[in-house]
Each structure stands twice: as C-alpha cells, then as structure tokens.
N, C-alpha and C. Protein backbone atom coordinates (compact mmCIF):
# COMPACT_ATOMS: atom_id res chain seq x y z
N MET A 1 105.64 111.98 104.38
CA MET A 1 104.32 111.43 104.12
C MET A 1 104.42 109.94 103.74
N VAL A 2 105.40 109.60 102.91
CA VAL A 2 105.56 108.21 102.49
C VAL A 2 105.94 107.34 103.69
N ARG A 3 106.81 107.87 104.54
CA ARG A 3 107.22 107.12 105.73
C ARG A 3 106.04 106.86 106.66
N ASN A 4 105.16 107.84 106.78
CA ASN A 4 103.99 107.69 107.63
C ASN A 4 103.09 106.58 107.10
N ARG A 5 102.87 106.54 105.79
CA ARG A 5 102.06 105.50 105.18
C ARG A 5 102.73 104.13 105.34
N ARG A 6 104.04 104.10 105.14
CA ARG A 6 104.78 102.85 105.29
C ARG A 6 104.74 102.37 106.73
N PHE A 7 104.85 103.29 107.68
CA PHE A 7 104.76 102.93 109.10
C PHE A 7 103.41 102.30 109.40
N ARG A 8 102.35 102.90 108.92
CA ARG A 8 101.00 102.37 109.17
C ARG A 8 100.83 100.99 108.55
N LEU A 9 101.33 100.79 107.36
CA LEU A 9 101.25 99.49 106.71
C LEU A 9 102.04 98.45 107.49
N GLU A 10 103.25 98.78 107.89
CA GLU A 10 104.09 97.84 108.64
C GLU A 10 103.49 97.52 110.01
N ALA A 11 102.97 98.53 110.68
CA ALA A 11 102.34 98.29 111.98
C ALA A 11 101.09 97.43 111.82
N GLY A 12 100.31 97.68 110.79
CA GLY A 12 99.12 96.87 110.52
C GLY A 12 99.48 95.42 110.21
N LEU A 13 100.52 95.22 109.41
CA LEU A 13 100.97 93.86 109.10
C LEU A 13 101.49 93.15 110.35
N ALA A 14 102.17 93.88 111.21
CA ALA A 14 102.67 93.29 112.45
C ALA A 14 101.51 92.83 113.33
N VAL A 15 100.49 93.66 113.45
CA VAL A 15 99.32 93.31 114.27
C VAL A 15 98.58 92.13 113.64
N LEU A 16 98.38 92.16 112.33
CA LEU A 16 97.68 91.07 111.66
C LEU A 16 98.45 89.75 111.81
N SER A 17 99.76 89.78 111.64
CA SER A 17 100.57 88.58 111.79
C SER A 17 100.54 88.06 113.23
N ALA A 18 100.62 88.97 114.18
CA ALA A 18 100.57 88.56 115.58
C ALA A 18 99.20 87.96 115.92
N LEU A 19 98.14 88.54 115.37
CA LEU A 19 96.80 88.01 115.59
C LEU A 19 96.65 86.60 115.01
N LEU A 20 97.16 86.41 113.80
CA LEU A 20 97.11 85.08 113.17
C LEU A 20 97.93 84.08 113.97
N PHE A 21 99.05 84.53 114.52
CA PHE A 21 99.87 83.67 115.38
C PHE A 21 99.07 83.22 116.60
N VAL A 22 98.43 84.16 117.26
CA VAL A 22 97.66 83.85 118.47
C VAL A 22 96.48 82.93 118.15
N VAL A 23 95.79 83.19 117.04
CA VAL A 23 94.67 82.34 116.65
C VAL A 23 95.15 80.91 116.39
N THR A 24 96.29 80.78 115.73
CA THR A 24 96.81 79.44 115.43
C THR A 24 97.25 78.71 116.69
N VAL A 25 97.80 79.44 117.66
CA VAL A 25 98.17 78.81 118.93
C VAL A 25 96.91 78.37 119.69
N ALA A 26 95.91 79.23 119.73
CA ALA A 26 94.71 78.93 120.49
C ALA A 26 93.80 77.91 119.81
N TRP A 27 93.77 77.91 118.48
CA TRP A 27 92.86 77.04 117.74
C TRP A 27 93.59 76.49 116.52
N PRO A 28 94.44 75.48 116.69
CA PRO A 28 95.26 74.97 115.59
C PRO A 28 94.46 74.40 114.41
N GLU A 29 93.23 73.99 114.62
CA GLU A 29 92.45 73.39 113.55
C GLU A 29 91.61 74.40 112.76
N TRP A 30 91.93 75.69 112.86
CA TRP A 30 91.11 76.69 112.19
C TRP A 30 91.13 76.52 110.67
N ILE A 31 92.22 76.05 110.10
CA ILE A 31 92.29 75.87 108.65
C ILE A 31 91.30 74.79 108.21
N GLU A 32 91.31 73.68 108.93
CA GLU A 32 90.39 72.60 108.60
C GLU A 32 88.94 73.03 108.78
N ALA A 33 88.66 73.78 109.84
CA ALA A 33 87.29 74.21 110.12
C ALA A 33 86.79 75.22 109.09
N ILE A 34 87.61 76.16 108.71
CA ILE A 34 87.17 77.22 107.79
C ILE A 34 87.15 76.74 106.35
N PHE A 35 88.21 76.09 105.90
CA PHE A 35 88.33 75.70 104.50
C PHE A 35 87.85 74.29 104.20
N GLY A 36 87.65 73.48 105.24
CA GLY A 36 87.15 72.13 105.04
C GLY A 36 88.15 71.17 104.43
N VAL A 37 89.43 71.48 104.52
CA VAL A 37 90.48 70.59 104.00
C VAL A 37 91.49 70.32 105.11
N ASP A 38 92.21 69.22 104.96
CA ASP A 38 93.25 68.86 105.93
C ASP A 38 94.55 68.65 105.16
N PRO A 39 95.24 69.74 104.79
CA PRO A 39 96.40 69.63 103.92
C PRO A 39 97.58 68.86 104.52
N ASP A 40 97.71 68.83 105.83
CA ASP A 40 98.83 68.12 106.44
C ASP A 40 98.41 66.76 107.00
N HIS A 41 97.19 66.35 106.73
CA HIS A 41 96.65 65.05 107.15
C HIS A 41 96.78 64.82 108.66
N GLY A 42 96.57 65.87 109.42
CA GLY A 42 96.50 65.75 110.87
C GLY A 42 97.82 65.71 111.61
N ASP A 43 98.96 65.91 110.93
CA ASP A 43 100.24 65.82 111.65
C ASP A 43 100.68 67.15 112.26
N GLY A 44 99.98 68.24 111.95
CA GLY A 44 100.29 69.52 112.57
C GLY A 44 101.41 70.31 111.91
N SER A 45 101.97 69.80 110.84
CA SER A 45 103.10 70.50 110.20
C SER A 45 102.69 71.84 109.60
N LEU A 46 101.49 71.92 109.06
CA LEU A 46 101.02 73.19 108.50
C LEU A 46 100.86 74.23 109.60
N GLU A 47 100.35 73.82 110.74
CA GLU A 47 100.20 74.75 111.86
C GLU A 47 101.56 75.27 112.33
N TRP A 48 102.55 74.40 112.40
CA TRP A 48 103.89 74.84 112.78
C TRP A 48 104.48 75.79 111.75
N LEU A 49 104.22 75.52 110.49
CA LEU A 49 104.70 76.43 109.43
C LEU A 49 104.03 77.79 109.57
N ILE A 50 102.73 77.80 109.80
CA ILE A 50 102.01 79.07 109.97
C ILE A 50 102.54 79.82 111.19
N LEU A 51 102.76 79.11 112.28
CA LEU A 51 103.31 79.76 113.48
C LEU A 51 104.66 80.39 113.20
N SER A 52 105.52 79.66 112.51
CA SER A 52 106.86 80.17 112.21
C SER A 52 106.81 81.40 111.30
N VAL A 53 106.04 81.29 110.24
CA VAL A 53 105.96 82.39 109.27
C VAL A 53 105.31 83.62 109.89
N THR A 54 104.22 83.45 110.62
CA THR A 54 103.55 84.61 111.20
C THR A 54 104.40 85.25 112.29
N ALA A 55 105.13 84.45 113.06
CA ALA A 55 106.02 85.02 114.08
C ALA A 55 107.12 85.84 113.42
N LEU A 56 107.73 85.30 112.37
CA LEU A 56 108.79 86.04 111.67
C LEU A 56 108.25 87.30 111.01
N CYS A 57 107.08 87.21 110.40
CA CYS A 57 106.47 88.39 109.77
C CYS A 57 106.13 89.45 110.82
N ALA A 58 105.58 89.04 111.94
CA ALA A 58 105.22 90.00 112.99
C ALA A 58 106.46 90.70 113.52
N ILE A 59 107.51 89.94 113.77
CA ILE A 59 108.75 90.54 114.29
C ILE A 59 109.38 91.46 113.26
N GLY A 60 109.46 91.00 112.02
CA GLY A 60 110.06 91.82 110.96
C GLY A 60 109.29 93.10 110.72
N ALA A 61 107.97 93.01 110.61
CA ALA A 61 107.16 94.20 110.37
C ALA A 61 107.21 95.15 111.56
N ALA A 62 107.24 94.61 112.77
CA ALA A 62 107.33 95.47 113.96
C ALA A 62 108.66 96.21 114.00
N LEU A 63 109.73 95.52 113.65
CA LEU A 63 111.05 96.18 113.63
C LEU A 63 111.11 97.26 112.57
N ARG A 64 110.54 96.99 111.38
CA ARG A 64 110.53 98.01 110.32
C ARG A 64 109.64 99.19 110.74
N ALA A 65 108.51 98.90 111.36
CA ALA A 65 107.63 99.98 111.82
C ALA A 65 108.32 100.82 112.88
N ARG A 66 109.06 100.16 113.77
CA ARG A 66 109.81 100.90 114.80
C ARG A 66 110.86 101.81 114.18
N ALA A 67 111.54 101.31 113.16
CA ALA A 67 112.55 102.13 112.48
C ALA A 67 111.90 103.33 111.81
N ASP A 68 110.77 103.12 111.15
CA ASP A 68 110.07 104.24 110.51
C ASP A 68 109.52 105.21 111.55
N TRP A 69 109.03 104.70 112.66
CA TRP A 69 108.53 105.56 113.74
C TRP A 69 109.64 106.47 114.25
N ARG A 70 110.82 105.87 114.47
CA ARG A 70 111.95 106.66 114.96
C ARG A 70 112.38 107.69 113.92
N ALA A 71 112.39 107.30 112.66
CA ALA A 71 112.77 108.24 111.59
C ALA A 71 111.77 109.38 111.49
N LEU A 72 110.49 109.08 111.64
CA LEU A 72 109.47 110.13 111.62
C LEU A 72 109.68 111.13 112.74
N HIS A 73 109.99 110.61 113.92
CA HIS A 73 110.18 111.50 115.07
C HIS A 73 111.51 112.24 115.01
N ASP A 74 112.51 111.64 114.41
CA ASP A 74 113.79 112.34 114.24
C ASP A 74 113.64 113.53 113.30
N THR A 75 112.91 113.34 112.19
CA THR A 75 112.73 114.44 111.26
C THR A 75 111.80 115.50 111.85
N ALA A 76 110.82 115.08 112.66
CA ALA A 76 109.91 116.04 113.29
C ALA A 76 110.64 116.88 114.34
N GLU A 77 111.65 116.29 114.97
CA GLU A 77 112.42 117.00 116.00
C GLU A 77 113.63 117.71 115.40
N GLY A 78 113.76 117.69 114.09
CA GLY A 78 114.88 118.36 113.45
C GLY A 78 116.16 117.53 113.45
N GLY A 79 116.03 116.24 113.63
CA GLY A 79 117.18 115.35 113.58
C GLY A 79 117.99 115.30 114.86
N ALA A 80 117.54 116.00 115.89
CA ALA A 80 118.29 116.01 117.15
C ALA A 80 117.95 114.78 117.97
N ARG A 81 118.97 114.06 118.33
CA ARG A 81 118.80 112.90 119.22
C ARG A 81 120.10 112.50 119.79
C-alpha cells in the first residue's frame, strides 16, 4: 500500500516537473508575466536554472516511479521474473 502511494506521488511529480519544463521552453517569460518581477534582469539565467532543475526532477521522479512500479508488479506476481 505504501509503495502504491509512493508510486503515485513520484509519477505525479514527474508529470508536474515535465509540464513545468515544457511551459518554460515554450514561454520563458512566464515568471515575469505571472509574478511581475524580473529576478534575472532579462539575461535568461533563471529560465535555464528552472529548465535544469525541472528536467532533473522529472527524470529522477520518473526513475523512482518506474522502480516502484516494477516492485509492485513483482510482489503482485509473487516475485517471479
């Protein structure tokens, strides 16, 4: 049961991170538009940081979700694989 909950959380975080990655690629000025501030003064460094962090989070969460998915199915199949 705990693994199932953890899988759902990890899969959700992977999707959310991937979505934020795509939004930042498609619309790099979303931070300025939504929050009304320009923390990197137009040089794009914040956008690159967001891209890097969200890509790493998406990959990491997807890999953890995959591991939990496999563990769930291994225990459901009686450990045979």
